[in-house]
Amino acid sequence: MSDMYDDPEMTPVTAFDNVTFTEVGDRIKGRVIRFERIETRYGKVAKYWLFDLDRNVERTMLAGAMDLWSQLHKLRPQVGDTLDIELVGIEGRQHKYQVEVTSGDEPF
């Protein structure tokens, strides 16, 4: 078996990049692969691993914004569910999101 570092098909990719919402209209639609609590310098936040259905890559998302976490907490998405999240407004330092969860019919 050859070393993976010598494999010419191995190339740098942006998979696992973190989802950011900076401008109104920024959106992610992805299937939840897993999620966990992580510790940041700001406290504990939820980290989601999503399969981005538009880009066909795995991405991560921190649910640190108050409105985003509030909606996710209420909707309680699970592994296999599809999240559709869009930044719909910015009021000062507060971001406002539209969040939809579609239940997954089969395991991912």
PDB file of N, CA and C in Angstrom:
ATOM      1  N   MET A   1       0.850  -1.185   0.000  1.00  0.00           N
ATOM      2  CA  MET A   1       0.000   0.000   0.000  1.00  0.00           C
ATOM      3  C   MET A   1       0.890   1.240   0.000  1.00  0.00           C
ATOM      4  N   SER A   2       0.577   2.173  -0.850  1.00  0.00           N
ATOM      5  CA  SER A   2       1.397   3.384  -0.929  1.00  0.00           C
ATOM      6  C   SER A   2       0.986   4.399   0.134  1.00  0.00           C
ATOM      7  N   ASP A   3       1.872   5.299   0.397  1.00  0.00           N
ATOM      8  CA  ASP A   3       1.651   6.360   1.379  1.00  0.00           C
ATOM      9  C   ASP A   3       0.659   7.376   0.804  1.00  0.00           C
ATOM     10  N   MET A   4      -0.311   7.816   1.621  1.00  0.00           N
ATOM     11  CA  MET A   4      -1.313   8.757   1.123  1.00  0.00           C
ATOM     12  C   MET A   4      -0.690  10.067   0.662  1.00  0.00           C
ATOM     13  N   TYR A   5       0.480  10.411   1.211  1.00  0.00           N
ATOM     14  CA  TYR A   5       1.126  11.665   0.825  1.00  0.00           C
ATOM     15  C   TYR A   5       1.736  11.589  -0.567  1.00  0.00           C
ATOM     16  N   ASP A   6       1.914  10.379  -1.073  1.00  0.00           N
ATOM     17  CA  ASP A   6       2.444  10.187  -2.412  1.00  0.00           C
ATOM     18  C   ASP A   6       1.344   9.997  -3.451  1.00  0.00           C
ATOM     19  N   ASP A   7       0.083   9.970  -3.009  1.00  0.00           N
ATOM     20  CA  ASP A   7      -1.048   9.757  -3.913  1.00  0.00           C
ATOM     21  C   ASP A   7      -1.306  11.034  -4.712  1.00  0.00           C
ATOM     22  N   PRO A   8      -1.155  11.009  -6.045  1.00  0.00           N
ATOM     23  CA  PRO A   8      -1.349  12.216  -6.854  1.00  0.00           C
ATOM     24  C   PRO A   8      -2.800  12.717  -6.856  1.00  0.00           C
ATOM     25  N   GLU A   9      -3.748  11.857  -6.458  1.00  0.00           N
ATOM     26  CA  GLU A   9      -5.147  12.289  -6.425  1.00  0.00           C
ATOM     27  C   GLU A   9      -5.500  13.051  -5.154  1.00  0.00           C
ATOM     28  N   MET A  10      -4.593  13.035  -4.168  1.00  0.00           N
ATOM     29  CA  MET A  10      -4.835  13.796  -2.938  1.00  0.00           C
ATOM     30  C   MET A  10      -4.529  15.271  -3.219  1.00  0.00           C
ATOM     31  N   THR A  11      -5.535  16.107  -3.022  1.00  0.00           N
ATOM     32  CA  THR A  11      -5.353  17.536  -3.253  1.00  0.00           C
ATOM     33  C   THR A  11      -5.976  18.321  -2.110  1.00  0.00           C
ATOM     34  N   PRO A  12      -5.495  19.519  -1.875  1.00  0.00           N
ATOM     35  CA  PRO A  12      -6.121  20.347  -0.841  1.00  0.00           C
ATOM     36  C   PRO A  12      -7.551  20.691  -1.246  1.00  0.00           C
ATOM     37  N   VAL A  13      -8.451  20.642  -0.298  1.00  0.00           N
ATOM     38  CA  VAL A  13      -9.846  21.005  -0.555  1.00  0.00           C
ATOM     39  C   VAL A  13     -10.324  21.884   0.581  1.00  0.00           C
ATOM     40  N   THR A  14     -11.471  22.505   0.393  1.00  0.00           N
ATOM     41  CA  THR A  14     -12.022  23.358   1.441  1.00  0.00           C
ATOM     42  C   THR A  14     -13.090  22.636   2.234  1.00  0.00           C
ATOM     43  N   ALA A  15     -13.119  21.301   2.142  1.00  0.00           N
ATOM     44  CA  ALA A  15     -14.070  20.542   2.952  1.00  0.00           C
ATOM     45  C   ALA A  15     -13.806  20.839   4.417  1.00  0.00           C
ATOM     46  N   PHE A  16     -14.806  20.739   5.216  1.00  0.00           N
ATOM     47  CA  PHE A  16     -14.742  21.022   6.634  1.00  0.00           C
ATOM     48  C   PHE A  16     -14.583  22.509   6.923  1.00  0.00           C
ATOM     49  N   ASP A  17     -14.823  23.353   5.929  1.00  0.00           N
ATOM     50  CA  ASP A  17     -14.724  24.769   6.232  1.00  0.00           C
ATOM     51  C   ASP A  17     -15.924  25.207   7.058  1.00  0.00           C
ATOM     52  N   ASN A  18     -15.721  26.244   7.835  1.00  0.00           N
ATOM     53  CA  ASN A  18     -16.749  26.707   8.754  1.00  0.00           C
ATOM     54  C   ASN A  18     -17.736  27.608   8.022  1.00  0.00           C
ATOM     55  N   VAL A  19     -19.011  27.372   8.232  1.00  0.00           N
ATOM     56  CA  VAL A  19     -20.067  28.195   7.658  1.00  0.00           C
ATOM     57  C   VAL A  19     -20.049  29.551   8.361  1.00  0.00           C
ATOM     58  N   THR A  20     -20.076  30.626   7.597  1.00  0.00           N
ATOM     59  CA  THR A  20     -20.178  31.963   8.176  1.00  0.00           C
ATOM     60  C   THR A  20     -21.352  32.690   7.543  1.00  0.00           C
ATOM     61  N   PHE A  21     -21.988  33.500   8.331  1.00  0.00           N
ATOM     62  CA  PHE A  21     -23.107  34.321   7.876  1.00  0.00           C
ATOM     63  C   PHE A  21     -22.688  35.775   8.072  1.00  0.00           C
ATOM     64  N   THR A  22     -22.281  36.442   6.996  1.00  0.00           N
ATOM     65  CA  THR A  22     -21.796  37.816   7.125  1.00  0.00           C
ATOM     66  C   THR A  22     -22.695  38.835   6.444  1.00  0.00           C
ATOM     67  N   GLU A  23     -23.396  38.417   5.400  1.00  0.00           N
ATOM     68  CA  GLU A  23     -24.272  39.332   4.668  1.00  0.00           C
ATOM     69  C   GLU A  23     -25.681  38.756   4.598  1.00  0.00           C
ATOM     70  N   VAL A  24     -26.663  39.644   4.629  1.00  0.00           N
ATOM     71  CA  VAL A  24     -28.052  39.209   4.483  1.00  0.00           C
ATOM     72  C   VAL A  24     -28.155  38.394   3.195  1.00  0.00           C
ATOM     73  N   GLY A  25     -28.805  37.247   3.290  1.00  0.00           N
ATOM     74  CA  GLY A  25     -28.928  36.346   2.144  1.00  0.00           C
ATOM     75  C   GLY A  25     -27.977  35.165   2.213  1.00  0.00           C
ATOM     76  N   ASP A  26     -26.928  35.248   3.063  1.00  0.00           N
ATOM     77  CA  ASP A  26     -26.044  34.097   3.229  1.00  0.00           C
ATOM     78  C   ASP A  26     -26.882  32.929   3.743  1.00  0.00           C
ATOM     79  N   ARG A  27     -26.632  31.747   3.167  1.00  0.00           N
ATOM     80  CA  ARG A  27     -27.511  30.615   3.446  1.00  0.00           C
ATOM     81  C   ARG A  27     -26.739  29.308   3.397  1.00  0.00           C
ATOM     82  N   ILE A  28     -27.183  28.343   4.186  1.00  0.00           N
ATOM     83  CA  ILE A  28     -26.675  26.972   4.133  1.00  0.00           C
ATOM     84  C   ILE A  28     -27.868  26.034   4.189  1.00  0.00           C
ATOM     85  N   LYS A  29     -27.847  25.062   3.328  1.00  0.00           N
ATOM     86  CA  LYS A  29     -28.828  23.986   3.396  1.00  0.00           C
ATOM     87  C   LYS A  29     -28.017  22.707   3.453  1.00  0.00           C
ATOM     88  N   GLY A  30     -28.109  22.021   4.591  1.00  0.00           N
ATOM     89  CA  GLY A  30     -27.285  20.842   4.752  1.00  0.00           C
ATOM     90  C   GLY A  30     -27.905  19.823   5.681  1.00  0.00           C
ATOM     91  N   ARG A  31     -27.447  18.611   5.510  1.00  0.00           N
ATOM     92  CA  ARG A  31     -27.928  17.497   6.324  1.00  0.00           C
ATOM     93  C   ARG A  31     -27.010  17.339   7.531  1.00  0.00           C
ATOM     94  N   VAL A  32     -27.596  17.213   8.711  1.00  0.00           N
ATOM     95  CA  VAL A  32     -26.822  17.084   9.942  1.00  0.00           C
ATOM     96  C   VAL A  32     -26.137  15.719   9.968  1.00  0.00           C
ATOM     97  N   ILE A  33     -24.811  15.737  10.064  1.00  0.00           N
ATOM     98  CA  ILE A  33     -24.025  14.514  10.157  1.00  0.00           C
ATOM     99  C   ILE A  33     -23.798  14.171  11.629  1.00  0.00           C
ATOM    100  N   ARG A  34     -23.462  15.190  12.412  1.00  0.00           N
ATOM    101  CA  ARG A  34     -23.308  15.036  13.858  1.00  0.00           C
ATOM    102  C   ARG A  34     -23.263  16.418  14.483  1.00  0.00           C
ATOM    103  N   PHE A  35     -23.351  16.455  15.797  1.00  0.00           N
ATOM    104  CA  PHE A  35     -23.225  17.714  16.522  1.00  0.00           C
ATOM    105  C   PHE A  35     -22.745  17.428  17.934  1.00  0.00           C
ATOM    106  N   GLU A  36     -22.154  18.437  18.546  1.00  0.00           N
ATOM    107  CA  GLU A  36     -21.648  18.283  19.908  1.00  0.00           C
ATOM    108  C   GLU A  36     -21.494  19.650  20.552  1.00  0.00           C
ATOM    109  N   ARG A  37     -21.353  19.634  21.866  1.00  0.00           N
ATOM    110  CA  ARG A  37     -21.052  20.853  22.610  1.00  0.00           C
ATOM    111  C   ARG A  37     -19.545  21.035  22.597  1.00  0.00           C
ATOM    112  N   ILE A  38     -19.103  22.262  22.347  1.00  0.00           N
ATOM    113  CA  ILE A  38     -17.667  22.542  22.436  1.00  0.00           C
ATOM    114  C   ILE A  38     -17.466  23.764  23.319  1.00  0.00           C
ATOM    115  N   GLU A  39     -16.291  23.857  23.889  1.00  0.00           N
ATOM    116  CA  GLU A  39     -15.941  24.978  24.749  1.00  0.00           C
ATOM    117  C   GLU A  39     -15.157  25.996  23.921  1.00  0.00           C
ATOM    118  N   THR A  40     -15.607  27.249  23.947  1.00  0.00           N
ATOM    119  CA  THR A  40     -14.885  28.334  23.285  1.00  0.00           C
ATOM    120  C   THR A  40     -14.513  29.356  24.346  1.00  0.00           C
ATOM    121  N   ARG A  41     -13.795  30.355  23.951  1.00  0.00           N
ATOM    122  CA  ARG A  41     -13.447  31.394  24.932  1.00  0.00           C
ATOM    123  C   ARG A  41     -14.673  32.175  25.385  1.00  0.00           C
ATOM    124  N   TYR A  42     -15.782  32.037  24.657  1.00  0.00           N
ATOM    125  CA  TYR A  42     -17.028  32.716  25.020  1.00  0.00           C
ATOM    126  C   TYR A  42     -17.975  31.825  25.810  1.00  0.00           C
ATOM    127  N   GLY A  43     -17.616  30.574  26.005  1.00  0.00           N
ATOM    128  CA  GLY A  43     -18.468  29.619  26.705  1.00  0.00           C
ATOM    129  C   GLY A  43     -18.777  28.424  25.821  1.00  0.00           C
ATOM    130  N   LYS A  44     -19.719  27.606  26.255  1.00  0.00           N
ATOM    131  CA  LYS A  44     -20.093  26.414  25.487  1.00  0.00           C
ATOM    132  C   LYS A  44     -21.033  26.798  24.352  1.00  0.00           C
ATOM    133  N   VAL A  45     -20.778  26.233  23.180  1.00  0.00           N
ATOM    134  CA  VAL A  45     -21.645  26.443  22.018  1.00  0.00           C
ATOM    135  C   VAL A  45     -21.842  25.100  21.317  1.00  0.00           C
ATOM    136  N   ALA A  46     -22.836  25.054  20.456  1.00  0.00           N
ATOM    137  CA  ALA A  46     -23.096  23.848  19.670  1.00  0.00           C
ATOM    138  C   ALA A  46     -22.330  23.935  18.357  1.00  0.00           C
ATOM    139  N   LYS A  47     -21.681  22.840  18.000  1.00  0.00           N
ATOM    140  CA  LYS A  47     -20.995  22.743  16.716  1.00  0.00           C
ATOM    141  C   LYS A  47     -21.684  21.657  15.914  1.00  0.00           C
ATOM    142  N   TYR A  48     -22.050  21.988  14.698  1.00  0.00           N
ATOM    143  CA  TYR A  48     -22.735  21.060  13.799  1.00  0.00           C
ATOM    144  C   TYR A  48     -21.819  20.719  12.636  1.00  0.00           C
ATOM    145  N   TRP A  49     -21.824  19.447  12.252  1.00  0.00           N
ATOM    146  CA  TRP A  49     -21.181  19.008  11.022  1.00  0.00           C
ATOM    147  C   TRP A  49     -22.310  18.767  10.039  1.00  0.00           C
ATOM    148  N   LEU A  50     -22.258  19.483   8.919  1.00  0.00           N
ATOM    149  CA  LEU A  50     -23.324  19.416   7.920  1.00  0.00           C
ATOM    150  C   LEU A  50     -22.753  18.964   6.588  1.00  0.00           C
ATOM    151  N   PHE A  51     -23.555  18.195   5.847  1.00  0.00           N
ATOM    152  CA  PHE A  51     -23.221  17.927   4.453  1.00  0.00           C
ATOM    153  C   PHE A  51     -23.956  18.976   3.643  1.00  0.00           C
ATOM    154  N   ASP A  52     -23.203  19.935   3.098  1.00  0.00           N
ATOM    155  CA  ASP A  52     -23.761  21.053   2.339  1.00  0.00           C
ATOM    156  C   ASP A  52     -24.373  20.512   1.046  1.00  0.00           C
ATOM    157  N   LEU A  53     -25.690  20.592   0.932  1.00  0.00           N
ATOM    158  CA  LEU A  53     -26.390  20.013  -0.215  1.00  0.00           C
ATOM    159  C   LEU A  53     -26.206  20.820  -1.496  1.00  0.00           C
ATOM    160  N   ASP A  54     -25.820  22.087  -1.374  1.00  0.00           N
ATOM    161  CA  ASP A  54     -25.592  22.906  -2.564  1.00  0.00           C
ATOM    162  C   ASP A  54     -24.170  22.742  -3.101  1.00  0.00           C
ATOM    163  N   ARG A  55     -23.207  22.568  -2.194  1.00  0.00           N
ATOM    164  CA  ARG A  55     -21.800  22.483  -2.599  1.00  0.00           C
ATOM    165  C   ARG A  55     -21.264  21.059  -2.598  1.00  0.00           C
ATOM    166  N   ASN A  56     -22.030  20.111  -2.057  1.00  0.00           N
ATOM    167  CA  ASN A  56     -21.613  18.704  -1.979  1.00  0.00           C
ATOM    168  C   ASN A  56     -20.292  18.518  -1.236  1.00  0.00           C
ATOM    169  N   VAL A  57     -20.165  19.221  -0.103  1.00  0.00           N
ATOM    170  CA  VAL A  57     -18.999  19.065   0.759  1.00  0.00           C
ATOM    171  C   VAL A  57     -19.462  19.070   2.211  1.00  0.00           C
ATOM    172  N   GLU A  58     -18.613  18.539   3.083  1.00  0.00           N
ATOM    173  CA  GLU A  58     -18.892  18.585   4.510  1.00  0.00           C
ATOM    174  C   GLU A  58     -18.382  19.913   5.062  1.00  0.00           C
ATOM    175  N   ARG A  59     -19.209  20.553   5.897  1.00  0.00           N
ATOM    176  CA  ARG A  59     -18.838  21.841   6.495  1.00  0.00           C
ATOM    177  C   ARG A  59     -19.213  21.825   7.967  1.00  0.00           C
ATOM    178  N   THR A  60     -18.619  22.718   8.718  1.00  0.00           N
ATOM    179  CA  THR A  60     -18.957  22.844  10.126  1.00  0.00           C
ATOM    180  C   THR A  60     -19.626  24.186  10.369  1.00  0.00           C
ATOM    181  N   MET A  61     -20.436  24.246  11.411  1.00  0.00           N
ATOM    182  CA  MET A  61     -21.134  25.480  11.751  1.00  0.00           C
ATOM    183  C   MET A  61     -21.224  25.599  13.263  1.00  0.00           C
ATOM    184  N   LEU A  62     -20.825  26.743  13.785  1.00  0.00           N
ATOM    185  CA  LEU A  62     -21.004  27.025  15.205  1.00  0.00           C
ATOM    186  C   LEU A  62     -22.317  27.774  15.372  1.00  0.00           C
ATOM    187  N   ALA A  63     -23.119  27.334  16.312  1.00  0.00           N
ATOM    188  CA  ALA A  63     -24.398  28.004  16.583  1.00  0.00           C
ATOM    189  C   ALA A  63     -24.206  28.923  17.784  1.00  0.00           C
ATOM    190  N   GLY A  64     -23.425  29.979  17.588  1.00  0.00           N
ATOM    191  CA  GLY A  64     -23.114  30.893  18.669  1.00  0.00           C
ATOM    192  C   GLY A  64     -23.995  32.120  18.713  1.00  0.00           C
ATOM    193  N   ALA A  65     -24.556  32.524  17.573  1.00  0.00           N
ATOM    194  CA  ALA A  65     -25.416  33.708  17.552  1.00  0.00           C
ATOM    195  C   ALA A  65     -26.694  33.414  18.329  1.00  0.00           C
ATOM    196  N   MET A  66     -27.116  34.375  19.124  1.00  0.00           N
ATOM    197  CA  MET A  66     -28.250  34.151  20.024  1.00  0.00           C
ATOM    198  C   MET A  66     -29.512  33.734  19.279  1.00  0.00           C
ATOM    199  N   ASP A  67     -29.862  34.429  18.204  1.00  0.00           N
ATOM    200  CA  ASP A  67     -31.085  34.089  17.469  1.00  0.00           C
ATOM    201  C   ASP A  67     -30.977  32.709  16.828  1.00  0.00           C
ATOM    202  N   LEU A  68     -29.822  32.397  16.277  1.00  0.00           N
ATOM    203  CA  LEU A  68     -29.630  31.093  15.640  1.00  0.00           C
ATOM    204  C   LEU A  68     -29.743  29.980  16.683  1.00  0.00           C
ATOM    205  N   TRP A  69     -29.048  30.126  17.813  1.00  0.00           N
ATOM    206  CA  TRP A  69     -29.113  29.094  18.844  1.00  0.00           C
ATOM    207  C   TRP A  69     -30.524  28.960  19.401  1.00  0.00           C
ATOM    208  N   SER A  70     -31.199  30.066  19.593  1.00  0.00           N
ATOM    209  CA  SER A  70     -32.558  30.037  20.128  1.00  0.00           C
ATOM    210  C   SER A  70     -33.487  29.213  19.231  1.00  0.00           C
ATOM    211  N   GLN A  71     -33.387  29.429  17.922  1.00  0.00           N
ATOM    212  CA  GLN A  71     -34.244  28.692  16.992  1.00  0.00           C
ATOM    213  C   GLN A  71     -33.856  27.214  16.926  1.00  0.00           C
ATOM    214  N   LEU A  72     -32.550  26.932  16.896  1.00  0.00           N
ATOM    215  CA  LEU A  72     -32.115  25.536  16.868  1.00  0.00           C
ATOM    216  C   LEU A  72     -32.514  24.822  18.154  1.00  0.00           C
ATOM    217  N   HIS A  73     -32.434  25.519  19.280  1.00  0.00           N
ATOM    218  CA  HIS A  73     -32.824  24.937  20.564  1.00  0.00           C
ATOM    219  C   HIS A  73     -34.306  24.567  20.556  1.00  0.00           C
ATOM    220  N   LYS A  74     -35.118  25.430  19.967  1.00  0.00           N
ATOM    221  CA  LYS A  74     -36.560  25.177  19.902  1.00  0.00           C
ATOM    222  C   LYS A  74     -36.876  24.039  18.922  1.00  0.00           C
ATOM    223  N   LEU A  75     -36.197  24.011  17.787  1.00  0.00           N
ATOM    224  CA  LEU A  75     -36.490  23.018  16.741  1.00  0.00           C
ATOM    225  C   LEU A  75     -35.809  21.666  16.996  1.00  0.00           C
ATOM    226  N   ARG A  76     -34.717  21.663  17.722  1.00  0.00           N
ATOM    227  CA  ARG A  76     -33.984  20.458  18.112  1.00  0.00           C
ATOM    228  C   ARG A  76     -33.667  19.497  16.956  1.00  0.00           C
ATOM    229  N   PRO A  77     -32.924  19.970  15.951  1.00  0.00           N
ATOM    230  CA  PRO A  77     -32.573  19.080  14.836  1.00  0.00           C
ATOM    231  C   PRO A  77     -31.704  17.916  15.317  1.00  0.00           C
ATOM    232  N   GLN A  78     -31.867  16.787  14.664  1.00  0.00           N
ATOM    233  CA  GLN A  78     -31.143  15.561  14.992  1.00  0.00           C
ATOM    234  C   GLN A  78     -30.327  15.112  13.779  1.00  0.00           C
ATOM    235  N   VAL A  79     -29.425  14.174  14.009  1.00  0.00           N
ATOM    236  CA  VAL A  79     -28.634  13.602  12.922  1.00  0.00           C
ATOM    237  C   VAL A  79     -29.587  13.062  11.862  1.00  0.00           C
ATOM    238  N   GLY A  80     -29.318  13.393  10.605  1.00  0.00           N
ATOM    239  CA  GLY A  80     -30.158  12.966   9.483  1.00  0.00           C
ATOM    240  C   GLY A  80     -31.146  14.031   9.050  1.00  0.00           C
ATOM    241  N   ASP A  81     -31.444  14.988   9.928  1.00  0.00           N
ATOM    242  CA  ASP A  81     -32.351  16.084   9.558  1.00  0.00           C
ATOM    243  C   ASP A  81     -31.642  17.056   8.620  1.00  0.00           C
ATOM    244  N   THR A  82     -32.417  17.783   7.835  1.00  0.00           N
ATOM    245  CA  THR A  82     -31.869  18.816   6.960  1.00  0.00           C
ATOM    246  C   THR A  82     -32.158  20.179   7.550  1.00  0.00           C
ATOM    247  N   LEU A  83     -31.095  20.982   7.665  1.00  0.00           N
ATOM    248  CA  LEU A  83     -31.220  22.358   8.131  1.00  0.00           C
ATOM    249  C   LEU A  83     -31.163  23.296   6.939  1.00  0.00           C
ATOM    250  N   ASP A  84     -32.036  24.272   6.924  1.00  0.00           N
ATOM    251  CA  ASP A  84     -32.006  25.337   5.918  1.00  0.00           C
ATOM    252  C   ASP A  84     -31.968  26.638   6.706  1.00  0.00           C
ATOM    253  N   ILE A  85     -30.814  27.292   6.712  1.00  0.00           N
ATOM    254  CA  ILE A  85     -30.595  28.481   7.533  1.00  0.00           C
ATOM    255  C   ILE A  85     -30.187  29.637   6.641  1.00  0.00           C
ATOM    256  N   GLU A  86     -30.865  30.771   6.811  1.00  0.00           N
ATOM    257  CA  GLU A  86     -30.538  31.967   6.038  1.00  0.00           C
ATOM    258  C   GLU A  86     -30.453  33.165   6.971  1.00  0.00           C
ATOM    259  N   LEU A  87     -29.437  33.993   6.756  1.00  0.00           N
ATOM    260  CA  LEU A  87     -29.324  35.255   7.476  1.00  0.00           C
ATOM    261  C   LEU A  87     -30.284  36.239   6.812  1.00  0.00           C
ATOM    262  N   VAL A  88     -31.295  36.685   7.562  1.00  0.00           N
ATOM    263  CA  VAL A  88     -32.338  37.535   6.970  1.00  0.00           C
ATOM    264  C   VAL A  88     -32.266  38.988   7.436  1.00  0.00           C
ATOM    265  N   GLY A  89     -31.445  39.270   8.430  1.00  0.00           N
ATOM    266  CA  GLY A  89     -31.337  40.648   8.875  1.00  0.00           C
ATOM    267  C   GLY A  89     -30.189  40.850   9.845  1.00  0.00           C
ATOM    268  N   ILE A  90     -29.684  42.069   9.863  1.00  0.00           N
ATOM    269  CA  ILE A  90     -28.646  42.458  10.811  1.00  0.00           C
ATOM    270  C   ILE A  90     -29.094  43.764  11.444  1.00  0.00           C
ATOM    271  N   GLU A  91     -29.248  43.726  12.760  1.00  0.00           N
ATOM    272  CA  GLU A  91     -29.669  44.907  13.509  1.00  0.00           C
ATOM    273  C   GLU A  91     -28.585  45.215  14.531  1.00  0.00           C
ATOM    274  N   GLY A  92     -27.727  46.155  14.211  1.00  0.00           N
ATOM    275  CA  GLY A  92     -26.584  46.425  15.078  1.00  0.00           C
ATOM    276  C   GLY A  92     -25.653  45.231  15.063  1.00  0.00           C
ATOM    277  N   ARG A  93     -25.410  44.656  16.238  1.00  0.00           N
ATOM    278  CA  ARG A  93     -24.559  43.467  16.310  1.00  0.00           C
ATOM    279  C   ARG A  93     -25.359  42.182  16.318  1.00  0.00           C
ATOM    280  N   GLN A  94     -26.679  42.273  16.258  1.00  0.00           N
ATOM    281  CA  GLN A  94     -27.555  41.100  16.300  1.00  0.00           C
ATOM    282  C   GLN A  94     -27.872  40.607  14.888  1.00  0.00           C
ATOM    283  N   HIS A  95     -27.674  39.331  14.674  1.00  0.00           N
ATOM    284  CA  HIS A  95     -28.038  38.699  13.411  1.00  0.00           C
ATOM    285  C   HIS A  95     -29.383  38.006  13.588  1.00  0.00           C
ATOM    286  N   LYS A  96     -30.237  38.110  12.583  1.00  0.00           N
ATOM    287  CA  LYS A  96     -31.553  37.461  12.585  1.00  0.00           C
ATOM    288  C   LYS A  96     -31.557  36.394  11.502  1.00  0.00           C
ATOM    289  N   TYR A  97     -32.067  35.213  11.865  1.00  0.00           N
ATOM    290  CA  TYR A  97     -32.030  34.069  10.961  1.00  0.00           C
ATOM    291  C   TYR A  97     -33.422  33.519  10.708  1.00  0.00           C
ATOM    292  N   GLN A  98     -33.558  32.899   9.547  1.00  0.00           N
ATOM    293  CA  GLN A  98     -34.719  32.064   9.257  1.00  0.00           C
ATOM    294  C   GLN A  98     -34.193  30.636   9.248  1.00  0.00           C
ATOM    295  N   VAL A  99     -34.777  29.791  10.097  1.00  0.00           N
ATOM    296  CA  VAL A  99     -34.291  28.415  10.248  1.00  0.00           C
ATOM    297  C   VAL A  99     -35.441  27.454  10.003  1.00  0.00           C
ATOM    298  N   GLU A 100     -35.213  26.488   9.130  1.00  0.00           N
ATOM    299  CA  GLU A 100     -36.186  25.428   8.884  1.00  0.00           C
ATOM    300  C   GLU A 100     -35.488  24.083   9.071  1.00  0.00           C
ATOM    301  N   VAL A 101     -36.202  23.150   9.659  1.00  0.00           N
ATOM    302  CA  VAL A 101     -35.681  21.798   9.856  1.00  0.00           C
ATOM    303  C   VAL A 101     -36.637  20.824   9.187  1.00  0.00           C
ATOM    304  N   THR A 102     -36.084  19.960   8.345  1.00  0.00           N
ATOM    305  CA  THR A 102     -36.856  18.895   7.722  1.00  0.00           C
ATOM    306  C   THR A 102     -36.343  17.577   8.282  1.00  0.00           C
ATOM    307  N   SER A 103     -37.243  16.789   8.842  1.00  0.00           N
ATOM    308  CA  SER A 103     -36.841  15.515   9.430  1.00  0.00           C
ATOM    309  C   SER A 103     -36.297  14.579   8.382  1.00  0.00           C
ATOM    310  N   GLY A 104     -35.218  13.877   8.751  1.00  0.00           N
ATOM    311  CA  GLY A 104     -34.621  12.889   7.849  1.00  0.00           C
ATOM    312  C   GLY A 104     -35.412  11.595   7.914  1.00  0.00           C
ATOM    313  N   ASP A 105     -35.659  11.007   6.764  1.00  0.00           N
ATOM    314  CA  ASP A 105     -36.436   9.764   6.719  1.00  0.00           C
ATOM    315  C   ASP A 105     -35.574   8.532   6.928  1.00  0.00           C
ATOM    316  N   GLU A 106     -34.286   8.666   6.661  1.00  0.00           N
ATOM    317  CA  GLU A 106     -33.399   7.531   6.790  1.00  0.00           C
ATOM    318  C   GLU A 106     -32.077   7.985   7.397  1.00  0.00           C
ATOM    319  N   PRO A 107     -31.355   7.095   8.056  1.00  0.00           N
ATOM    320  CA  PRO A 107     -30.095   7.476   8.678  1.00  0.00           C
ATOM    321  C   PRO A 107     -29.084   7.945   7.647  1.00  0.00           C
ATOM    322  N   PHE A 108     -28.212   8.811   8.050  1.00  0.00           N
ATOM    323  CA  PHE A 108     -27.182   9.332   7.150  1.00  0.00           C
ATOM    324  C   PHE A 108     -25.958   8.467   7.231  1.00  0.00           C
TER     325      PHE A 108
END
